[in-house]
Each structure stands twice: as structure tokens, then as C-alpha cells.
Amino acid sequence: MSKGLEDLIQSKREEFDDLEPSADLWGRIEKQLPPQYTEQQKREAKTFSLGFVLRVAATVIVVMGISFALYLHNSHRNGVDLAAINPEYAQQQVHYTSLIESKRTELKSIEKTDPELYKEFNSEISKMDSTYKQLKSELPASPNQEQVLLAMIRNLEIQTQVLNRQLQVIEQFNQIKKEQKNESKDI
């Protein structure tokens, strides 16, 4: 049966091919569609001209260039390039600063469980940090910038040592608590 249908289509093909849809057929179909479909199609049909794309790209490049220039201007105005003073010291300063930041995050974990201990530990670090900030503010005007930078690094080393010791105390304190819990369970 399907063979017969295929033969019929082949024999009548010329009659099918001579029928063309009218030119306004799609317009009439589009008018019958709900508004949401025609709006969506109009949105999808939007294209951007090359001129528009180039203007947007140029604007982005100009904004990025201005932002970078402002960043460079502010970084030199707000401080001294530590690497220009002593690259090794600058590296150490970055290393200790990141260490201190991670250890402060660890220390912050006890804030909820033991707020008074956290407050005491944090006040010690805050005092040292204020000394560091004072040294940093004196650095640009100092005649011996390398010595001030060395003092800043020494301050960061001490802060790291104090934080390490504080974290050890917390660890010992938690271990004692854990042992006491285990002993109370055994009784």
C-alpha cells in the first residue's frame, strides 16, 4: 500500500509543485498567533550592526583604561612600592600578611563558643596591627624606608607567632574539654 501511495505522489508531483502559497500567507498566520509569540520573535530577530558592536567595544576599552590609570595613580599615592625598596622584603610582607589573614580566620572560629577569649586574643593582635599600620603610614616619608619596611616585617612575624600560640592554646583547651567529656561519659 505504501508503494502505491509513493507512486501516486510521484505521478501527481507536477500538480503539487504548481501550487505556491500566497505572498501574504505568513502575515495572515502571524496575525492569528497570540501576541506573546510575535513579541518573542521580534526580540529574537534583533541583530547588532558592526558599528554598534565597535562602539560598545571602544567604550569598554576606554573605561578599562581609565580604571587602570586610576588604580595605578591611587596605588602610588597611597603608599610606596615595596618591591622598589627591597623585593625580598616585599615578598615577605605579602607572605606574612596572607598567613595572618588565614590565622585570624581560624581564630574567629572561637568567637561564638568563647567570646571573651576571642576578645582578649583579638585585642592583642589589634594592638600589634595598629603598630603595623603606623609603620606603614610612616614609610613613604621615611628617609630610611628599608629599615621601616624591615620593622613592618618583624611586626608581621611577631603577629604570626602570637596567632600561632593563641591557636595552640585553643587547641589544647579543646583537647582538655574533649578529654573531660570522655571521662564524664565513662563514669
C-alpha atoms as a PDB file:
ATOM      1  CA  MET A   1       0.000   0.000   0.000  1.00  0.00           C
ATOM      2  CA  SER A   2       2.805   2.401   0.784  1.00  0.00           C
ATOM      3  CA  LYS A   3       4.349   1.614  -2.613  1.00  0.00           C
ATOM      4  CA  GLY A   4       1.089   2.605  -4.275  1.00  0.00           C
ATOM      5  CA  LEU A   5       0.969   5.843  -2.302  1.00  0.00           C
ATOM      6  CA  GLU A   6       4.512   6.706  -3.341  1.00  0.00           C
ATOM      7  CA  ASP A   7       3.691   6.026  -6.989  1.00  0.00           C
ATOM      8  CA  LEU A   8       0.604   8.238  -6.737  1.00  0.00           C
ATOM      9  CA  ILE A   9       2.649  11.106  -5.249  1.00  0.00           C
ATOM     10  CA  GLN A  10       5.301  10.745  -7.942  1.00  0.00           C
ATOM     11  CA  SER A  11       2.752  10.795 -10.715  1.00  0.00           C
ATOM     12  CA  LYS A  12       0.918  13.815  -9.305  1.00  0.00           C
ATOM     13  CA  ARG A  13       4.090  15.676  -8.304  1.00  0.00           C
ATOM     14  CA  GLU A  14       3.793  18.206 -11.094  1.00  0.00           C
ATOM     15  CA  GLU A  15       0.298  19.100  -9.954  1.00  0.00           C
ATOM     16  CA  PHE A  16       1.541  19.629  -6.385  1.00  0.00           C
ATOM     17  CA  ASP A  17       4.504  21.717  -7.483  1.00  0.00           C
ATOM     18  CA  ASP A  18       2.488  24.241  -9.381  1.00  0.00           C
ATOM     19  CA  LEU A  19       0.666  25.354  -6.275  1.00  0.00           C
ATOM     20  CA  GLU A  20       2.555  28.100  -4.468  1.00  0.00           C
ATOM     21  CA  PRO A  21       1.431  29.714  -1.200  1.00  0.00           C
ATOM     22  CA  SER A  22       0.326  33.314  -1.484  1.00  0.00           C
ATOM     23  CA  ALA A  23       2.796  36.048  -0.541  1.00  0.00           C
ATOM     24  CA  ASP A  24       0.775  37.292   2.419  1.00  0.00           C
ATOM     25  CA  LEU A  25       0.185  33.816   3.906  1.00  0.00           C
ATOM     26  CA  TRP A  26       2.761  34.251   6.698  1.00  0.00           C
ATOM     27  CA  GLY A  27       1.366  37.699   7.572  1.00  0.00           C
ATOM     28  CA  ARG A  28      -2.138  36.224   7.987  1.00  0.00           C
ATOM     29  CA  ILE A  29      -0.771  33.362  10.127  1.00  0.00           C
ATOM     30  CA  GLU A  30       1.215  35.814  12.248  1.00  0.00           C
ATOM     31  CA  LYS A  31      -1.921  37.914  12.903  1.00  0.00           C
ATOM     32  CA  GLN A  32      -3.678  34.829  14.250  1.00  0.00           C
ATOM     33  CA  LEU A  33      -0.832  33.959  16.659  1.00  0.00           C
ATOM     34  CA  PRO A  34      -1.111  35.101  20.287  1.00  0.00           C
ATOM     35  CA  PRO A  35       0.842  38.331  20.995  1.00  0.00           C
ATOM     36  CA  GLN A  36       3.482  36.587  23.115  1.00  0.00           C
ATOM     37  CA  TYR A  37       4.795  34.619  20.113  1.00  0.00           C
ATOM     38  CA  THR A  38       5.115  37.629  17.843  1.00  0.00           C
ATOM     39  CA  GLU A  39       6.885  39.712  20.532  1.00  0.00           C
ATOM     40  CA  GLN A  40       9.326  36.885  21.200  1.00  0.00           C
ATOM     41  CA  GLN A  41      10.053  36.546  17.505  1.00  0.00           C
ATOM     42  CA  LYS A  42      10.662  40.287  17.188  1.00  0.00           C
ATOM     43  CA  ARG A  43      13.115  40.159  20.107  1.00  0.00           C
ATOM     44  CA  GLU A  44      14.950  37.229  18.548  1.00  0.00           C
ATOM     45  CA  ALA A  45      15.121  38.979  15.199  1.00  0.00           C
ATOM     46  CA  LYS A  46      17.149  41.914  16.571  1.00  0.00           C
ATOM     47  CA  THR A  47      20.689  41.973  15.309  1.00  0.00           C
ATOM     48  CA  PHE A  48      23.530  44.313  16.063  1.00  0.00           C
ATOM     49  CA  SER A  49      25.293  46.234  13.406  1.00  0.00           C
ATOM     50  CA  LEU A  50      29.066  46.196  13.192  1.00  0.00           C
ATOM     51  CA  GLY A  51      29.164  49.895  14.064  1.00  0.00           C
ATOM     52  CA  PHE A  52      27.198  49.325  17.262  1.00  0.00           C
ATOM     53  CA  VAL A  53      29.456  46.456  18.341  1.00  0.00           C
ATOM     54  CA  LEU A  54      32.577  48.539  17.656  1.00  0.00           C
ATOM     55  CA  ARG A  55      31.218  51.496  19.669  1.00  0.00           C
ATOM     56  CA  VAL A  56      30.477  49.217  22.637  1.00  0.00           C
ATOM     57  CA  ALA A  57      33.936  47.635  22.421  1.00  0.00           C
ATOM     58  CA  ALA A  58      35.605  51.052  22.235  1.00  0.00           C
ATOM     59  CA  THR A  59      33.628  52.258  25.256  1.00  0.00           C
ATOM     60  CA  VAL A  60      34.634  49.193  27.276  1.00  0.00           C
ATOM     61  CA  ILE A  61      38.302  49.680  26.373  1.00  0.00           C
ATOM     62  CA  VAL A  62      38.214  53.368  27.347  1.00  0.00           C
ATOM     63  CA  VAL A  63      36.526  52.617  30.686  1.00  0.00           C
ATOM     64  CA  MET A  64      39.019  49.849  31.458  1.00  0.00           C
ATOM     65  CA  GLY A  65      41.938  52.126  30.551  1.00  0.00           C
ATOM     66  CA  ILE A  66      40.697  54.924  32.793  1.00  0.00           C
ATOM     67  CA  SER A  67      40.087  52.469  35.639  1.00  0.00           C
ATOM     68  CA  PHE A  68      43.582  51.043  35.322  1.00  0.00           C
ATOM     69  CA  ALA A  69      45.134  54.522  35.270  1.00  0.00           C
ATOM     70  CA  LEU A  70      43.193  55.491  38.409  1.00  0.00           C
ATOM     71  CA  TYR A  71      44.268  52.272  40.113  1.00  0.00           C
ATOM     72  CA  LEU A  72      47.925  52.946  39.342  1.00  0.00           C
ATOM     73  CA  HIS A  73      47.605  56.560  40.460  1.00  0.00           C
ATOM     74  CA  ASN A  74      45.955  55.584  43.757  1.00  0.00           C
ATOM     75  CA  SER A  75      48.397  52.779  44.486  1.00  0.00           C
ATOM     76  CA  HIS A  76      51.373  55.148  44.186  1.00  0.00           C
ATOM     77  CA  ARG A  77      49.647  57.923  46.076  1.00  0.00           C
ATOM     78  CA  ASN A  78      48.514  55.711  48.984  1.00  0.00           C
ATOM     79  CA  GLY A  79      51.826  54.035  49.568  1.00  0.00           C
ATOM     80  CA  VAL A  80      55.235  53.138  48.420  1.00  0.00           C
ATOM     81  CA  ASP A  81      56.077  50.354  46.023  1.00  0.00           C
ATOM     82  CA  LEU A  82      57.590  47.875  48.466  1.00  0.00           C
ATOM     83  CA  ALA A  83      59.249  45.902  45.698  1.00  0.00           C
ATOM     84  CA  ALA A  84      61.156  49.017  44.663  1.00  0.00           C
ATOM     85  CA  ILE A  85      62.593  49.329  48.177  1.00  0.00           C
ATOM     86  CA  ASN A  86      63.550  45.681  48.561  1.00  0.00           C
ATOM     87  CA  PRO A  87      61.919  42.890  46.524  1.00  0.00           C
ATOM     88  CA  GLU A  88      62.739  40.223  49.114  1.00  0.00           C
ATOM     89  CA  TYR A  89      61.149  42.235  51.918  1.00  0.00           C
ATOM     90  CA  ALA A  90      58.109  42.913  49.743  1.00  0.00           C
ATOM     91  CA  GLN A  91      57.695  39.175  49.198  1.00  0.00           C
ATOM     92  CA  GLN A  92      57.978  38.500  52.920  1.00  0.00           C
ATOM     93  CA  GLN A  93      55.431  41.209  53.665  1.00  0.00           C
ATOM     94  CA  VAL A  94      52.905  39.607  51.283  1.00  0.00           C
ATOM     95  CA  HIS A  95      53.613  36.148  52.726  1.00  0.00           C
ATOM     96  CA  TYR A  96      53.140  37.197  56.359  1.00  0.00           C
ATOM     97  CA  THR A  97      50.063  39.265  55.569  1.00  0.00           C
ATOM     98  CA  SER A  98      48.340  36.282  53.944  1.00  0.00           C
ATOM     99  CA  LEU A  99      49.397  33.995  56.826  1.00  0.00           C
ATOM    100  CA  ILE A 100      47.982  36.418  59.373  1.00  0.00           C
ATOM    101  CA  GLU A 101      44.729  36.692  57.461  1.00  0.00           C
ATOM    102  CA  SER A 102      44.244  32.913  57.385  1.00  0.00           C
ATOM    103  CA  LYS A 103      45.157  32.536  61.071  1.00  0.00           C
ATOM    104  CA  ARG A 104      42.744  35.331  62.024  1.00  0.00           C
ATOM    105  CA  THR A 105      40.024  33.415  60.202  1.00  0.00           C
ATOM    106  CA  GLU A 106      40.898  30.318  62.239  1.00  0.00           C
ATOM    107  CA  LEU A 107      40.859  32.392  65.424  1.00  0.00           C
ATOM    108  CA  LYS A 108      37.458  33.818  64.548  1.00  0.00           C
ATOM    109  CA  SER A 109      36.017  30.301  64.798  1.00  0.00           C
ATOM    110  CA  ILE A 110      36.071  30.528  68.612  1.00  0.00           C
ATOM    111  CA  GLU A 111      34.169  33.807  68.696  1.00  0.00           C
ATOM    112  CA  LYS A 112      30.814  32.036  69.133  1.00  0.00           C
ATOM    113  CA  THR A 113      31.955  29.356  71.574  1.00  0.00           C
ATOM    114  CA  ASP A 114      34.167  31.535  73.765  1.00  0.00           C
ATOM    115  CA  PRO A 115      33.602  35.242  73.033  1.00  0.00           C
ATOM    116  CA  GLU A 116      35.680  36.525  75.967  1.00  0.00           C
ATOM    117  CA  LEU A 117      38.758  34.515  74.970  1.00  0.00           C
ATOM    118  CA  TYR A 118      38.335  35.680  71.388  1.00  0.00           C
ATOM    119  CA  LYS A 119      38.028  39.286  72.539  1.00  0.00           C
ATOM    120  CA  GLU A 120      41.216  39.019  74.603  1.00  0.00           C
ATOM    121  CA  PHE A 121      43.184  37.346  71.803  1.00  0.00           C
ATOM    122  CA  ASN A 122      41.862  39.778  69.232  1.00  0.00           C
ATOM    123  CA  SER A 123      42.788  42.824  71.340  1.00  0.00           C
ATOM    124  CA  GLU A 124      46.431  41.658  71.462  1.00  0.00           C
ATOM    125  CA  ILE A 125      46.540  41.270  67.689  1.00  0.00           C
ATOM    126  CA  SER A 126      44.747  44.595  67.184  1.00  0.00           C
ATOM    127  CA  LYS A 127      47.433  46.412  69.195  1.00  0.00           C
ATOM    128  CA  MET A 128      50.163  44.910  67.033  1.00  0.00           C
ATOM    129  CA  ASP A 129      48.172  45.650  63.897  1.00  0.00           C
ATOM    130  CA  SER A 130      47.829  49.312  64.856  1.00  0.00           C
ATOM    131  CA  THR A 131      51.615  49.468  65.267  1.00  0.00           C
ATOM    132  CA  TYR A 132      51.987  47.913  61.814  1.00  0.00           C
ATOM    133  CA  LYS A 133      49.595  50.472  60.300  1.00  0.00           C
ATOM    134  CA  GLN A 134      51.514  53.295  61.957  1.00  0.00           C
ATOM    135  CA  LEU A 135      54.780  51.996  60.478  1.00  0.00           C
ATOM    136  CA  LYS A 136      53.108  51.686  57.084  1.00  0.00           C
ATOM    137  CA  SER A 137      51.904  55.294  57.217  1.00  0.00           C
ATOM    138  CA  GLU A 138      55.426  56.475  58.147  1.00  0.00           C
ATOM    139  CA  LEU A 139      57.047  54.501  55.319  1.00  0.00           C
ATOM    140  CA  PRO A 140      56.544  56.986  52.432  1.00  0.00           C
ATOM    141  CA  ALA A 141      58.135  59.916  54.304  1.00  0.00           C
ATOM    142  CA  SER A 142      60.896  57.935  55.989  1.00  0.00           C
ATOM    143  CA  PRO A 143      64.478  58.654  54.911  1.00  0.00           C
ATOM    144  CA  ASN A 144      65.377  55.016  55.601  1.00  0.00           C
ATOM    145  CA  GLN A 145      62.484  53.127  54.041  1.00  0.00           C
ATOM    146  CA  GLU A 146      64.252  49.789  54.115  1.00  0.00           C
ATOM    147  CA  GLN A 147      64.571  49.919  57.935  1.00  0.00           C
ATOM    148  CA  VAL A 148      60.888  50.817  58.313  1.00  0.00           C
ATOM    149  CA  LEU A 149      59.933  48.004  55.938  1.00  0.00           C
ATOM    150  CA  LEU A 150      62.078  45.622  57.976  1.00  0.00           C
ATOM    151  CA  ALA A 151      60.296  46.777  61.151  1.00  0.00           C
ATOM    152  CA  MET A 152      56.945  46.173  59.435  1.00  0.00           C
ATOM    153  CA  ILE A 153      58.001  42.641  58.517  1.00  0.00           C
ATOM    154  CA  ARG A 154      59.236  41.995  62.049  1.00  0.00           C
ATOM    155  CA  ASN A 155      55.870  43.161  63.367  1.00  0.00           C
ATOM    156  CA  LEU A 156      54.113  40.749  60.984  1.00  0.00           C
ATOM    157  CA  GLU A 157      56.400  37.909  62.121  1.00  0.00           C
ATOM    158  CA  ILE A 158      55.508  38.594  65.752  1.00  0.00           C
ATOM    159  CA  GLN A 159      51.803  38.754  64.898  1.00  0.00           C
ATOM    160  CA  THR A 160      52.144  35.368  63.187  1.00  0.00           C
ATOM    161  CA  GLN A 161      53.920  33.880  66.217  1.00  0.00           C
ATOM    162  CA  VAL A 162      51.300  35.251  68.611  1.00  0.00           C
ATOM    163  CA  LEU A 163      48.466  33.932  66.450  1.00  0.00           C
ATOM    164  CA  ASN A 164      50.145  30.514  66.261  1.00  0.00           C
ATOM    165  CA  ARG A 165      50.477  30.457  70.032  1.00  0.00           C
ATOM    166  CA  GLN A 166      46.861  31.540  70.505  1.00  0.00           C
ATOM    167  CA  LEU A 167      45.686  28.797  68.161  1.00  0.00           C
ATOM    168  CA  GLN A 168      47.778  26.250  70.087  1.00  0.00           C
ATOM    169  CA  VAL A 169      46.180  27.392  73.350  1.00  0.00           C
ATOM    170  CA  ILE A 170      42.736  26.998  71.811  1.00  0.00           C
ATOM    171  CA  GLU A 171      43.638  23.545  70.525  1.00  0.00           C
ATOM    172  CA  GLN A 172      44.904  22.489  73.976  1.00  0.00           C
ATOM    173  CA  PHE A 173      41.796  23.944  75.591  1.00  0.00           C
ATOM    174  CA  ASN A 174      39.555  21.997  73.191  1.00  0.00           C
ATOM    175  CA  GLN A 175      41.556  18.823  73.817  1.00  0.00           C
ATOM    176  CA  ILE A 176      41.098  19.194  77.585  1.00  0.00           C
ATOM    177  CA  LYS A 177      37.363  19.750  77.095  1.00  0.00           C
ATOM    178  CA  LYS A 178      37.161  16.648  74.916  1.00  0.00           C
ATOM    179  CA  GLU A 179      39.014  14.541  77.496  1.00  0.00           C
ATOM    180  CA  GLN A 180      36.744  15.811  80.260  1.00  0.00           C
ATOM    181  CA  LYS A 181      33.688  14.877  78.190  1.00  0.00           C
ATOM    182  CA  ASN A 182      35.055  11.393  77.613  1.00  0.00           C
ATOM    183  CA  GLU A 183      35.771  10.948  81.317  1.00  0.00           C
ATOM    184  CA  SER A 184      32.275  12.073  82.262  1.00  0.00           C
ATOM    185  CA  LYS A 185      30.814   9.560  79.791  1.00  0.00           C
ATOM    186  CA  ASP A 186      32.872   6.758  81.306  1.00  0.00           C
ATOM    187  CA  ILE A 187      31.576   7.472  84.799  1.00  0.00           C
END
